[in-house]
Every structure is written in C-alpha cells, then in structure tokens.
Amino acid sequence: RMDRVVIDEERVTVMDFKTGRDTATEGDKYKRQISRYMELLKEIYTHRDIEGIVAYIDLKKTERYSL
C-alpha cells in the first residue's frame, strides 16, 4: 500500500516511509516496491512525470526515483 501520493499539475509523487536501519538487505526490495507503485501511477497519470521517494525515517535519509 502506498503511504502517500501527492498529485499536482505536472507531477505525481508517491512516498513510502520505512523504519529501522537495515537498508543494505532491504534496499533492493524497497526499490522494486516503489517502482511498481510508480508504474501503476503512470498508467493512470499518463501525461505527468512520476517520482518515487523511499524515506528512511530512522536514518533521516531519502532515495528518489523517477520515470
């Protein structure tokens, strides 16, 4: 389930919030997950840029992806 989706005139941003510190082993899984969300949103919002953000709360770090 997507944690947050922000839609504006030019872009759709999907955010997924993660807790804990084990990004080394889970990072690829999270990237695949946010990529699936982005692909689904692109099917709906065909004329907008799609951005994905994985926010690691405990690490105070974000990773950004785009289509």
C-alpha atoms as a PDB file:
ATOM      1  CA  ARG A   1       0.000   0.000   0.000  1.00  0.00           C
ATOM      2  CA  MET A   2       1.276   3.445  -0.910  1.00  0.00           C
ATOM      3  CA  ASP A   3       1.919   5.590   2.158  1.00  0.00           C
ATOM      4  CA  ARG A   4       1.377   8.947   0.457  1.00  0.00           C
ATOM      5  CA  VAL A   5       0.613  10.211  -3.049  1.00  0.00           C
ATOM      6  CA  VAL A   6       0.906  13.882  -3.990  1.00  0.00           C
ATOM      7  CA  ILE A   7      -0.649  14.959  -7.291  1.00  0.00           C
ATOM      8  CA  ASP A   8      -0.076  18.320  -8.920  1.00  0.00           C
ATOM      9  CA  GLU A   9      -0.452  19.609 -12.484  1.00  0.00           C
ATOM     10  CA  GLU A  10       2.913  18.335 -13.739  1.00  0.00           C
ATOM     11  CA  ARG A  11       3.954  15.532 -11.405  1.00  0.00           C
ATOM     12  CA  VAL A  12       2.738  12.652  -9.277  1.00  0.00           C
ATOM     13  CA  THR A  13       4.918  11.753  -6.291  1.00  0.00           C
ATOM     14  CA  VAL A  14       4.498   8.509  -4.380  1.00  0.00           C
ATOM     15  CA  MET A  15       6.157   8.175  -0.980  1.00  0.00           C
ATOM     16  CA  ASP A  16       6.890   5.115   1.068  1.00  0.00           C
ATOM     17  CA  PHE A  17       8.083   5.504   4.651  1.00  0.00           C
ATOM     18  CA  LYS A  18      10.395   2.895   6.184  1.00  0.00           C
ATOM     19  CA  THR A  19      11.583   2.485   9.760  1.00  0.00           C
ATOM     20  CA  GLY A  20      14.590   0.581  11.027  1.00  0.00           C
ATOM     21  CA  ARG A  21      18.204   0.679   9.925  1.00  0.00           C
ATOM     22  CA  ASP A  22      18.662  -2.379   7.705  1.00  0.00           C
ATOM     23  CA  THR A  23      18.689  -0.678   4.288  1.00  0.00           C
ATOM     24  CA  ALA A  24      21.535  -2.823   2.938  1.00  0.00           C
ATOM     25  CA  THR A  25      19.454  -6.004   2.818  1.00  0.00           C
ATOM     26  CA  GLU A  26      16.065  -4.416   2.176  1.00  0.00           C
ATOM     27  CA  GLY A  27      17.084  -1.651  -0.243  1.00  0.00           C
ATOM     28  CA  ASP A  28      16.522  -3.663  -3.441  1.00  0.00           C
ATOM     29  CA  LYS A  29      13.144  -4.841  -2.193  1.00  0.00           C
ATOM     30  CA  TYR A  30      12.081  -1.262  -1.436  1.00  0.00           C
ATOM     31  CA  LYS A  31      13.292  -0.074  -4.838  1.00  0.00           C
ATOM     32  CA  ARG A  32      11.215  -2.768  -6.590  1.00  0.00           C
ATOM     33  CA  GLN A  33       8.206  -1.858  -4.457  1.00  0.00           C
ATOM     34  CA  ILE A  34       8.356   1.884  -5.205  1.00  0.00           C
ATOM     35  CA  SER A  35       8.974   1.108  -8.895  1.00  0.00           C
ATOM     36  CA  ARG A  36       5.764  -0.947  -9.040  1.00  0.00           C
ATOM     37  CA  TYR A  37       3.837   1.898  -7.441  1.00  0.00           C
ATOM     38  CA  MET A  38       5.298   4.331  -9.967  1.00  0.00           C
ATOM     39  CA  GLU A  39       4.389   2.089 -12.916  1.00  0.00           C
ATOM     40  CA  LEU A  40       0.805   1.799 -11.694  1.00  0.00           C
ATOM     41  CA  LEU A  41       0.504   5.558 -11.307  1.00  0.00           C
ATOM     42  CA  LYS A  42       1.969   6.117 -14.786  1.00  0.00           C
ATOM     43  CA  GLU A  43      -0.869   4.028 -16.238  1.00  0.00           C
ATOM     44  CA  ILE A  44      -3.366   6.446 -14.676  1.00  0.00           C
ATOM     45  CA  TYR A  45      -1.478   9.738 -14.996  1.00  0.00           C
ATOM     46  CA  THR A  46      -0.005   9.243 -18.463  1.00  0.00           C
ATOM     47  CA  HIS A  47       0.857  12.913 -19.101  1.00  0.00           C
ATOM     48  CA  ARG A  48       2.594  13.613 -15.793  1.00  0.00           C
ATOM     49  CA  ASP A  49       6.087  12.914 -14.537  1.00  0.00           C
ATOM     50  CA  ILE A  50       6.175  10.218 -11.875  1.00  0.00           C
ATOM     51  CA  GLU A  51       8.525  10.427  -8.901  1.00  0.00           C
ATOM     52  CA  GLY A  52       9.057   7.890  -6.132  1.00  0.00           C
ATOM     53  CA  ILE A  53      10.568   8.583  -2.739  1.00  0.00           C
ATOM     54  CA  VAL A  54      11.595   5.999  -0.164  1.00  0.00           C
ATOM     55  CA  ALA A  55      12.056   7.807   3.157  1.00  0.00           C
ATOM     56  CA  TYR A  56      14.063   6.007   5.831  1.00  0.00           C
ATOM     57  CA  ILE A  57      12.720   7.667   8.969  1.00  0.00           C
ATOM     58  CA  ASP A  58      15.272   6.399  11.499  1.00  0.00           C
ATOM     59  CA  LEU A  59      18.203   7.139   9.188  1.00  0.00           C
ATOM     60  CA  LYS A  60      16.884  10.573   8.165  1.00  0.00           C
ATOM     61  CA  LYS A  61      17.615   9.639   4.560  1.00  0.00           C
ATOM     62  CA  THR A  62      15.640   9.569   1.317  1.00  0.00           C
ATOM     63  CA  GLU A  63      16.113   7.850  -2.017  1.00  0.00           C
ATOM     64  CA  ARG A  64      14.435   9.336  -5.098  1.00  0.00           C
ATOM     65  CA  TYR A  65      13.436   7.607  -8.313  1.00  0.00           C
ATOM     66  CA  SER A  66      11.728   8.867 -11.454  1.00  0.00           C
ATOM     67  CA  LEU A  67      10.029   7.568 -14.588  1.00  0.00           C
END
